[in-house]
């Protein structure tokens, strides 16, 4: 499912136009991004948590040459599913 299809489903359920639903989805995603950029977590009880995880720097190898390279520290967004989402996907 892409964003336009999601907006269509939201619009049908909430009696909105697709454009209104898409603006709501955009605002939600932008808010999630801004919050993660601040280093804060987002908790949606039962659905899941959005977090930023830090990875330590490490030594790796160039697969073509075998040369050792330094891979710097990085941050990555992550989603941890909540109990209700897990149960729904499992069919319980």
PDB file of N, CA and C in Angstrom:
ATOM      1  N   UNK A   1       0.855  -1.178   0.000  1.00  0.00           N
ATOM      2  CA  UNK A   1       0.000   0.000   0.000  1.00  0.00           C
ATOM      3  C   UNK A   1       0.893   1.230   0.000  1.00  0.00           C
ATOM      4  N   UNK A   2       0.570   2.183  -0.845  1.00  0.00           N
ATOM      5  CA  UNK A   2       1.323   3.432  -0.853  1.00  0.00           C
ATOM      6  C   UNK A   2       0.539   4.532  -0.139  1.00  0.00           C
ATOM      7  N   UNK A   3       1.118   5.734  -0.081  1.00  0.00           N
ATOM      8  CA  UNK A   3       0.504   6.827   0.687  1.00  0.00           C
ATOM      9  C   UNK A   3      -0.854   7.231   0.125  1.00  0.00           C
ATOM     10  N   UNK A   4      -1.002   7.246  -1.194  1.00  0.00           N
ATOM     11  CA  UNK A   4      -2.287   7.627  -1.792  1.00  0.00           C
ATOM     12  C   UNK A   4      -3.370   6.608  -1.448  1.00  0.00           C
ATOM     13  N   UNK A   5      -3.019   5.341  -1.466  1.00  0.00           N
ATOM     14  CA  UNK A   5      -3.981   4.292  -1.106  1.00  0.00           C
ATOM     15  C   UNK A   5      -4.363   4.395   0.372  1.00  0.00           C
ATOM     16  N   UNK A   6      -3.381   4.660   1.222  1.00  0.00           N
ATOM     17  CA  UNK A   6      -3.651   4.854   2.645  1.00  0.00           C
ATOM     18  C   UNK A   6      -4.566   6.050   2.849  1.00  0.00           C
ATOM     19  N   UNK A   7      -4.297   7.140   2.142  1.00  0.00           N
ATOM     20  CA  UNK A   7      -5.143   8.336   2.244  1.00  0.00           C
ATOM     21  C   UNK A   7      -6.567   8.020   1.821  1.00  0.00           C
ATOM     22  N   UNK A   8      -6.734   7.201   0.809  1.00  0.00           N
ATOM     23  CA  UNK A   8      -8.067   6.796   0.373  1.00  0.00           C
ATOM     24  C   UNK A   8      -8.807   6.028   1.455  1.00  0.00           C
ATOM     25  N   UNK A   9      -8.124   5.111   2.122  1.00  0.00           N
ATOM     26  CA  UNK A   9      -8.762   4.348   3.205  1.00  0.00           C
ATOM     27  C   UNK A   9      -9.137   5.244   4.375  1.00  0.00           C
ATOM     28  N   UNK A  10      -8.215   6.143   4.752  1.00  0.00           N
ATOM     29  CA  UNK A  10      -8.483   7.072   5.853  1.00  0.00           C
ATOM     30  C   UNK A  10      -9.659   7.974   5.485  1.00  0.00           C
ATOM     31  N   UNK A  11      -9.673   8.459   4.263  1.00  0.00           N
ATOM     32  CA  UNK A  11     -10.755   9.339   3.807  1.00  0.00           C
ATOM     33  C   UNK A  11     -12.100   8.637   3.900  1.00  0.00           C
ATOM     34  N   UNK A  12     -12.164   7.380   3.495  1.00  0.00           N
ATOM     35  CA  UNK A  12     -13.429   6.623   3.561  1.00  0.00           C
ATOM     36  C   UNK A  12     -13.892   6.412   4.997  1.00  0.00           C
ATOM     37  N   UNK A  13     -12.951   6.093   5.876  1.00  0.00           N
ATOM     38  CA  UNK A  13     -13.317   5.824   7.269  1.00  0.00           C
ATOM     39  C   UNK A  13     -13.699   7.077   8.036  1.00  0.00           C
ATOM     40  N   UNK A  14     -13.101   8.229   7.674  1.00  0.00           N
ATOM     41  CA  UNK A  14     -13.316   9.449   8.443  1.00  0.00           C
ATOM     42  C   UNK A  14     -14.209  10.467   7.735  1.00  0.00           C
ATOM     43  N   UNK A  15     -14.776  10.097   6.601  1.00  0.00           N
ATOM     44  CA  UNK A  15     -15.646  10.988   5.829  1.00  0.00           C
ATOM     45  C   UNK A  15     -14.914  12.281   5.465  1.00  0.00           C
ATOM     46  N   UNK A  16     -13.720  12.123   4.882  1.00  0.00           N
ATOM     47  CA  UNK A  16     -12.889  13.239   4.437  1.00  0.00           C
ATOM     48  C   UNK A  16     -12.625  13.087   2.948  1.00  0.00           C
ATOM     49  N   UNK A  17     -12.101  14.139   2.345  1.00  0.00           N
ATOM     50  CA  UNK A  17     -11.637  13.993   0.974  1.00  0.00           C
ATOM     51  C   UNK A  17     -10.260  13.344   1.017  1.00  0.00           C
ATOM     52  N   UNK A  18      -9.838  12.778  -0.119  1.00  0.00           N
ATOM     53  CA  UNK A  18      -8.513  12.162  -0.170  1.00  0.00           C
ATOM     54  C   UNK A  18      -7.423  13.207   0.078  1.00  0.00           C
ATOM     55  N   UNK A  19      -7.627  14.416  -0.424  1.00  0.00           N
ATOM     56  CA  UNK A  19      -6.635  15.478  -0.224  1.00  0.00           C
ATOM     57  C   UNK A  19      -6.500  15.827   1.246  1.00  0.00           C
ATOM     58  N   UNK A  20      -7.629  15.910   1.971  1.00  0.00           N
ATOM     59  CA  UNK A  20      -7.585  16.203   3.406  1.00  0.00           C
ATOM     60  C   UNK A  20      -6.864  15.086   4.155  1.00  0.00           C
ATOM     61  N   UNK A  21      -7.191  13.848   3.810  1.00  0.00           N
ATOM     62  CA  UNK A  21      -6.561  12.704   4.472  1.00  0.00           C
ATOM     63  C   UNK A  21      -5.064  12.676   4.191  1.00  0.00           C
ATOM     64  N   UNK A  22      -4.677  13.017   2.969  1.00  0.00           N
ATOM     65  CA  UNK A  22      -3.255  13.017   2.633  1.00  0.00           C
ATOM     66  C   UNK A  22      -2.511  14.110   3.402  1.00  0.00           C
ATOM     67  N   UNK A  23      -3.140  15.260   3.585  1.00  0.00           N
ATOM     68  CA  UNK A  23      -2.510  16.326   4.380  1.00  0.00           C
ATOM     69  C   UNK A  23      -2.350  15.888   5.830  1.00  0.00           C
ATOM     70  N   UNK A  24      -3.331  15.179   6.366  1.00  0.00           N
ATOM     71  CA  UNK A  24      -3.238  14.678   7.740  1.00  0.00           C
ATOM     72  C   UNK A  24      -2.095  13.674   7.855  1.00  0.00           C
ATOM     73  N   UNK A  25      -1.984  12.778   6.889  1.00  0.00           N
ATOM     74  CA  UNK A  25      -0.910  11.784   6.903  1.00  0.00           C
ATOM     75  C   UNK A  25       0.440  12.483   6.800  1.00  0.00           C
ATOM     76  N   UNK A  26       0.560  13.469   5.897  1.00  0.00           N
ATOM     77  CA  UNK A  26       1.814  14.221   5.765  1.00  0.00           C
ATOM     78  C   UNK A  26       2.181  14.914   7.070  1.00  0.00           C
ATOM     79  N   UNK A  27       1.200  15.536   7.714  1.00  0.00           N
ATOM     80  CA  UNK A  27       1.455  16.229   8.979  1.00  0.00           C
ATOM     81  C   UNK A  27       1.907  15.241  10.055  1.00  0.00           C
ATOM     82  N   UNK A  28       1.303  14.065  10.086  1.00  0.00           N
ATOM     83  CA  UNK A  28       1.672  13.041  11.062  1.00  0.00           C
ATOM     84  C   UNK A  28       3.102  12.572  10.832  1.00  0.00           C
ATOM     85  N   UNK A  29       3.431  12.268   9.585  1.00  0.00           N
ATOM     86  CA  UNK A  29       4.780  11.786   9.275  1.00  0.00           C
ATOM     87  C   UNK A  29       5.834  12.862   9.536  1.00  0.00           C
ATOM     88  N   UNK A  30       5.519  14.100   9.220  1.00  0.00           N
ATOM     89  CA  UNK A  30       6.450  15.200   9.504  1.00  0.00           C
ATOM     90  C   UNK A  30       6.659  15.372  11.003  1.00  0.00           C
ATOM     91  N   UNK A  31       5.592  15.229  11.777  1.00  0.00           N
ATOM     92  CA  UNK A  31       5.705  15.343  13.237  1.00  0.00           C
ATOM     93  C   UNK A  31       6.557  14.222  13.808  1.00  0.00           C
ATOM     94  N   UNK A  32       6.393  13.017  13.279  1.00  0.00           N
ATOM     95  CA  UNK A  32       7.211  11.883  13.729  1.00  0.00           C
ATOM     96  C   UNK A  32       8.677  12.162  13.411  1.00  0.00           C
ATOM     97  N   UNK A  33       8.956  12.620  12.201  1.00  0.00           N
ATOM     98  CA  UNK A  33      10.329  12.915  11.797  1.00  0.00           C
ATOM     99  C   UNK A  33      10.947  13.986  12.674  1.00  0.00           C
ATOM    100  N   UNK A  34      10.232  15.076  12.912  1.00  0.00           N
ATOM    101  CA  UNK A  34      10.748  16.170  13.742  1.00  0.00           C
ATOM    102  C   UNK A  34      11.050  15.697  15.156  1.00  0.00           C
ATOM    103  N   UNK A  35      10.177  14.872  15.703  1.00  0.00           N
ATOM    104  CA  UNK A  35      10.376  14.362  17.060  1.00  0.00           C
ATOM    105  C   UNK A  35      11.604  13.468  17.133  1.00  0.00           C
ATOM    106  N   UNK A  36      11.782  12.592  16.134  1.00  0.00           N
ATOM    107  CA  UNK A  36      12.955  11.719  16.119  1.00  0.00           C
ATOM    108  C   UNK A  36      14.245  12.522  15.939  1.00  0.00           C
ATOM    109  N   UNK A  37      14.198  13.594  15.151  1.00  0.00           N
ATOM    110  CA  UNK A  37      15.375  14.448  14.972  1.00  0.00           C
ATOM    111  C   UNK A  37      15.817  15.079  16.281  1.00  0.00           C
ATOM    112  N   UNK A  38      14.876  15.317  17.186  1.00  0.00           N
ATOM    113  CA  UNK A  38      15.195  15.866  18.506  1.00  0.00           C
ATOM    114  C   UNK A  38      15.754  14.801  19.439  1.00  0.00           C
ATOM    115  N   UNK A  39      15.722  13.540  19.006  1.00  0.00           N
ATOM    116  CA  UNK A  39      16.215  12.448  19.841  1.00  0.00           C
ATOM    117  C   UNK A  39      15.171  11.894  20.789  1.00  0.00           C
ATOM    118  N   UNK A  40      13.913  12.264  20.577  1.00  0.00           N
ATOM    119  CA  UNK A  40      12.840  11.805  21.448  1.00  0.00           C
ATOM    120  C   UNK A  40      12.165  10.562  20.875  1.00  0.00           C
ATOM    121  N   UNK A  41      11.532   9.793  21.749  1.00  0.00           N
ATOM    122  CA  UNK A  41      10.768   8.613  21.356  1.00  0.00           C
ATOM    123  C   UNK A  41       9.319   9.000  21.101  1.00  0.00           C
ATOM    124  N   UNK A  42       8.646   8.196  20.306  1.00  0.00           N
ATOM    125  CA  UNK A  42       7.211   8.361  20.100  1.00  0.00           C
ATOM    126  C   UNK A  42       6.558   7.052  20.508  1.00  0.00           C
ATOM    127  N   UNK A  43       5.652   7.122  21.473  1.00  0.00           N
ATOM    128  CA  UNK A  43       4.952   5.930  21.961  1.00  0.00           C
ATOM    129  C   UNK A  43       3.496   5.986  21.557  1.00  0.00           C
ATOM    130  N   UNK A  44       3.068   5.009  20.785  1.00  0.00           N
ATOM    131  CA  UNK A  44       1.661   4.859  20.427  1.00  0.00           C
ATOM    132  C   UNK A  44       1.219   3.554  21.085  1.00  0.00           C
ATOM    133  N   UNK A  45       0.642   3.668  22.273  1.00  0.00           N
ATOM    134  CA  UNK A  45       0.332   2.514  23.109  1.00  0.00           C
ATOM    135  C   UNK A  45      -0.482   1.489  22.324  1.00  0.00           C
ATOM    136  N   UNK A  46      -0.008   0.253  22.348  1.00  0.00           N
ATOM    137  CA  UNK A  46      -0.670  -0.837  21.657  1.00  0.00           C
ATOM    138  C   UNK A  46      -0.219  -0.981  20.213  1.00  0.00           C
ATOM    139  N   UNK A  47       0.178   0.112  19.570  1.00  0.00           N
ATOM    140  CA  UNK A  47       0.606   0.058  18.168  1.00  0.00           C
ATOM    141  C   UNK A  47       2.113  -0.132  18.060  1.00  0.00           C
ATOM    142  N   UNK A  48       2.880   0.737  18.745  1.00  0.00           N
ATOM    143  CA  UNK A  48       4.330   0.592  18.705  1.00  0.00           C
ATOM    144  C   UNK A  48       5.052   1.874  19.065  1.00  0.00           C
ATOM    145  N   UNK A  49       6.368   1.806  19.023  1.00  0.00           N
ATOM    146  CA  UNK A  49       7.232   2.931  19.372  1.00  0.00           C
ATOM    147  C   UNK A  49       8.179   3.235  18.219  1.00  0.00           C
ATOM    148  N   UNK A  50       8.373   4.515  17.963  1.00  0.00           N
ATOM    149  CA  UNK A  50       9.392   4.967  17.033  1.00  0.00           C
ATOM    150  C   UNK A  50      10.547   5.477  17.876  1.00  0.00           C
ATOM    151  N   UNK A  51      11.762   5.014  17.570  1.00  0.00           N
ATOM    152  CA  UNK A  51      12.938   5.401  18.342  1.00  0.00           C
ATOM    153  C   UNK A  51      14.111   5.654  17.392  1.00  0.00           C
ATOM    154  N   UNK A  52      15.148   6.315  17.918  1.00  0.00           N
ATOM    155  CA  UNK A  52      16.398   6.478  17.187  1.00  0.00           C
ATOM    156  C   UNK A  52      17.434   5.614  17.885  1.00  0.00           C
ATOM    157  N   UNK A  53      18.087   4.763  17.107  1.00  0.00           N
ATOM    158  CA  UNK A  53      19.120   3.899  17.666  1.00  0.00           C
ATOM    159  C   UNK A  53      20.485   4.369  17.194  1.00  0.00           C
ATOM    160  N   UNK A  54      21.443   4.320  18.089  1.00  0.00           N
ATOM    161  CA  UNK A  54      22.824   4.692  17.752  1.00  0.00           C
ATOM    162  C   UNK A  54      23.641   3.436  17.527  1.00  0.00           C
ATOM    163  N   UNK A  55      24.486   3.493  16.509  1.00  0.00           N
ATOM    164  CA  UNK A  55      25.410   2.393  16.232  1.00  0.00           C
ATOM    165  C   UNK A  55      26.820   2.909  16.468  1.00  0.00           C
ATOM    166  N   UNK A  56      27.609   2.131  17.158  1.00  0.00           N
ATOM    167  CA  UNK A  56      28.997   2.496  17.415  1.00  0.00           C
ATOM    168  C   UNK A  56      29.804   2.382  16.126  1.00  0.00           C
ATOM    169  N   UNK A  57      30.893   3.141  16.078  1.00  0.00           N
ATOM    170  CA  UNK A  57      31.824   3.003  14.967  1.00  0.00           C
ATOM    171  C   UNK A  57      32.499   1.642  15.026  1.00  0.00           C
ATOM    172  N   UNK A  58      32.947   1.158  13.871  1.00  0.00           N
ATOM    173  CA  UNK A  58      33.569  -0.163  13.852  1.00  0.00           C
ATOM    174  C   UNK A  58      34.519  -0.265  12.656  1.00  0.00           C
ATOM    175  N   UNK A  59      35.286  -1.323  12.640  1.00  0.00           N
ATOM    176  CA  UNK A  59      36.184  -1.596  11.525  1.00  0.00           C
ATOM    177  C   UNK A  59      35.487  -2.601  10.616  1.00  0.00           C
ATOM    178  N   UNK A  60      35.473  -2.288   9.322  1.00  0.00           N
ATOM    179  CA  UNK A  60      34.891  -3.197   8.339  1.00  0.00           C
ATOM    180  C   UNK A  60      35.914  -3.499   7.265  1.00  0.00           C
ATOM    181  N   UNK A  61      35.479  -4.215   6.231  1.00  0.00           N
ATOM    182  CA  UNK A  61      36.366  -4.543   5.118  1.00  0.00           C
ATOM    183  C   UNK A  61      35.688  -4.188   3.807  1.00  0.00           C
ATOM    184  N   UNK A  62      36.473  -3.647   2.888  1.00  0.00           N
ATOM    185  CA  UNK A  62      35.995  -3.412   1.541  1.00  0.00           C
ATOM    186  C   UNK A  62      35.879  -4.784   0.872  1.00  0.00           C
ATOM    187  N   UNK A  63      34.686  -5.182   0.426  1.00  0.00           N
ATOM    188  CA  UNK A  63      34.524  -6.529  -0.119  1.00  0.00           C
ATOM    189  C   UNK A  63      35.303  -6.771  -1.420  1.00  0.00           C
ATOM    190  N   UNK A  64      35.621  -5.720  -2.149  1.00  0.00           N
ATOM    191  CA  UNK A  64      36.354  -5.897  -3.408  1.00  0.00           C
ATOM    192  C   UNK A  64      37.853  -6.033  -3.199  1.00  0.00           C
ATOM    193  N   UNK A  65      38.381  -5.253  -2.262  1.00  0.00           N
ATOM    194  CA  UNK A  65      39.838  -5.263  -2.069  1.00  0.00           C
ATOM    195  C   UNK A  65      40.288  -5.967  -0.800  1.00  0.00           C
ATOM    196  N   UNK A  66      39.360  -6.163   0.143  1.00  0.00           N
ATOM    197  CA  UNK A  66      39.722  -6.763   1.423  1.00  0.00           C
ATOM    198  C   UNK A  66      40.377  -5.776   2.369  1.00  0.00           C
ATOM    199  N   UNK A  67      40.529  -4.520   1.921  1.00  0.00           N
ATOM    200  CA  UNK A  67      41.161  -3.478   2.736  1.00  0.00           C
ATOM    201  C   UNK A  67      40.283  -3.120   3.935  1.00  0.00           C
ATOM    202  N   UNK A  68      40.926  -2.912   5.087  1.00  0.00           N
ATOM    203  CA  UNK A  68      40.185  -2.499   6.274  1.00  0.00           C
ATOM    204  C   UNK A  68      39.738  -1.050   6.110  1.00  0.00           C
ATOM    205  N   UNK A  69      38.490  -0.771   6.525  1.00  0.00           N
ATOM    206  CA  UNK A  69      37.966   0.593   6.494  1.00  0.00           C
ATOM    207  C   UNK A  69      37.293   0.890   7.824  1.00  0.00           C
ATOM    208  N   UNK A  70      37.276   2.151   8.173  1.00  0.00           N
ATOM    209  CA  UNK A  70      36.615   2.573   9.403  1.00  0.00           C
ATOM    210  C   UNK A  70      35.194   3.016   9.062  1.00  0.00           C
ATOM    211  N   UNK A  71      34.237   2.417   9.728  1.00  0.00           N
ATOM    212  CA  UNK A  71      32.831   2.788   9.566  1.00  0.00           C
ATOM    213  C   UNK A  71      32.465   3.631  10.776  1.00  0.00           C
ATOM    214  N   UNK A  72      32.064   4.859  10.534  1.00  0.00           N
ATOM    215  CA  UNK A  72      31.787   5.796  11.614  1.00  0.00           C
ATOM    216  C   UNK A  72      30.508   5.499  12.377  1.00  0.00           C
ATOM    217  N   UNK A  73      30.382   6.164  13.505  1.00  0.00           N
ATOM    218  CA  UNK A  73      29.178   6.067  14.325  1.00  0.00           C
ATOM    219  C   UNK A  73      27.999   6.607  13.518  1.00  0.00           C
ATOM    220  N   UNK A  74      26.819   6.017  13.695  1.00  0.00           N
ATOM    221  CA  UNK A  74      25.646   6.494  12.964  1.00  0.00           C
ATOM    222  C   UNK A  74      24.393   6.341  13.817  1.00  0.00           C
ATOM    223  N   UNK A  75      23.346   7.010  13.367  1.00  0.00           N
ATOM    224  CA  UNK A  75      22.039   6.903  13.999  1.00  0.00           C
ATOM    225  C   UNK A  75      21.060   6.421  12.949  1.00  0.00           C
ATOM    226  N   UNK A  76      20.062   5.631  13.377  1.00  0.00           N
ATOM    227  CA  UNK A  76      19.064   5.120  12.444  1.00  0.00           C
ATOM    228  C   UNK A  76      17.709   5.073  13.136  1.00  0.00           C
ATOM    229  N   UNK A  77      16.644   5.416  12.413  1.00  0.00           N
ATOM    230  CA  UNK A  77      15.308   5.300  12.994  1.00  0.00           C
ATOM    231  C   UNK A  77      14.904   3.820  13.066  1.00  0.00           C
ATOM    232  N   UNK A  78      14.087   3.505  14.055  1.00  0.00           N
ATOM    233  CA  UNK A  78      13.618   2.132  14.217  1.00  0.00           C
ATOM    234  C   UNK A  78      12.176   2.156  14.707  1.00  0.00           C
ATOM    235  N   UNK A  79      11.449   1.105  14.386  1.00  0.00           N
ATOM    236  CA  UNK A  79      10.080   0.940  14.860  1.00  0.00           C
ATOM    237  C   UNK A  79      10.007  -0.354  15.642  1.00  0.00           C
ATOM    238  N   UNK A  80       9.444  -0.287  16.841  1.00  0.00           N
ATOM    239  CA  UNK A  80       9.259  -1.462  17.690  1.00  0.00           C
ATOM    240  C   UNK A  80       7.757  -1.689  17.803  1.00  0.00           C
ATOM    241  N   UNK A  81       7.240  -2.782  17.237  1.00  0.00           N
ATOM    242  CA  UNK A  81       5.789  -2.998  17.266  1.00  0.00           C
ATOM    243  C   UNK A  81       5.273  -3.243  18.678  1.00  0.00           C
ATOM    244  N   UNK A  82       4.050  -2.772  18.925  1.00  0.00           N
ATOM    245  CA  UNK A  82       3.401  -2.965  20.210  1.00  0.00           C
ATOM    246  C   UNK A  82       2.642  -4.272  20.263  1.00  0.00           C
ATOM    247  N   UNK A  83       2.157  -4.605  21.436  1.00  0.00           N
ATOM    248  CA  UNK A  83       1.501  -5.893  21.663  1.00  0.00           C
ATOM    249  C   UNK A  83       0.241  -6.066  20.817  1.00  0.00           C
ATOM    250  N   UNK A  84      -0.582  -5.018  20.698  1.00  0.00           N
ATOM    251  CA  UNK A  84      -1.810  -5.150  19.920  1.00  0.00           C
ATOM    252  C   UNK A  84      -1.523  -5.354  18.438  1.00  0.00           C
ATOM    253  N   UNK A  85      -0.519  -4.688  17.914  1.00  0.00           N
ATOM    254  CA  UNK A  85      -0.144  -4.851  16.514  1.00  0.00           C
ATOM    255  C   UNK A  85       0.396  -6.254  16.286  1.00  0.00           C
ATOM    256  N   UNK A  86       1.217  -6.743  17.205  1.00  0.00           N
ATOM    257  CA  UNK A  86       1.755  -8.103  17.086  1.00  0.00           C
ATOM    258  C   UNK A  86       0.636  -9.140  17.064  1.00  0.00           C
ATOM    259  N   UNK A  87      -0.328  -8.977  17.986  1.00  0.00           N
ATOM    260  CA  UNK A  87      -1.449  -9.916  18.053  1.00  0.00           C
ATOM    261  C   UNK A  87      -2.290  -9.874  16.785  1.00  0.00           C
ATOM    262  N   UNK A  88      -2.519  -8.664  16.270  1.00  0.00           N
ATOM    263  CA  UNK A  88      -3.320  -8.533  15.045  1.00  0.00           C
ATOM    264  C   UNK A  88      -2.663  -9.215  13.853  1.00  0.00           C
ATOM    265  N   UNK A  89      -1.345  -9.057  13.735  1.00  0.00           N
ATOM    266  CA  UNK A  89      -0.631  -9.665  12.621  1.00  0.00           C
ATOM    267  C   UNK A  89      -0.601 -11.179  12.765  1.00  0.00           C
ATOM    268  N   UNK A  90      -0.482 -11.671  13.994  1.00  0.00           N
ATOM    269  CA  UNK A  90      -0.466 -13.113  14.231  1.00  0.00           C
ATOM    270  C   UNK A  90      -1.850 -13.730  14.068  1.00  0.00           C
ATOM    271  N   UNK A  91      -2.892 -12.891  14.094  1.00  0.00           N
ATOM    272  CA  UNK A  91      -4.246 -13.410  13.936  1.00  0.00           C
ATOM    273  C   UNK A  91      -4.861 -13.870  15.235  1.00  0.00           C
ATOM    274  N   UNK A  92      -4.401 -13.333  16.355  1.00  0.00           N
ATOM    275  CA  UNK A  92      -4.936 -13.748  17.661  1.00  0.00           C
ATOM    276  C   UNK A  92      -5.838 -12.695  18.220  1.00  0.00           C
TER     277      UNK A  92
END
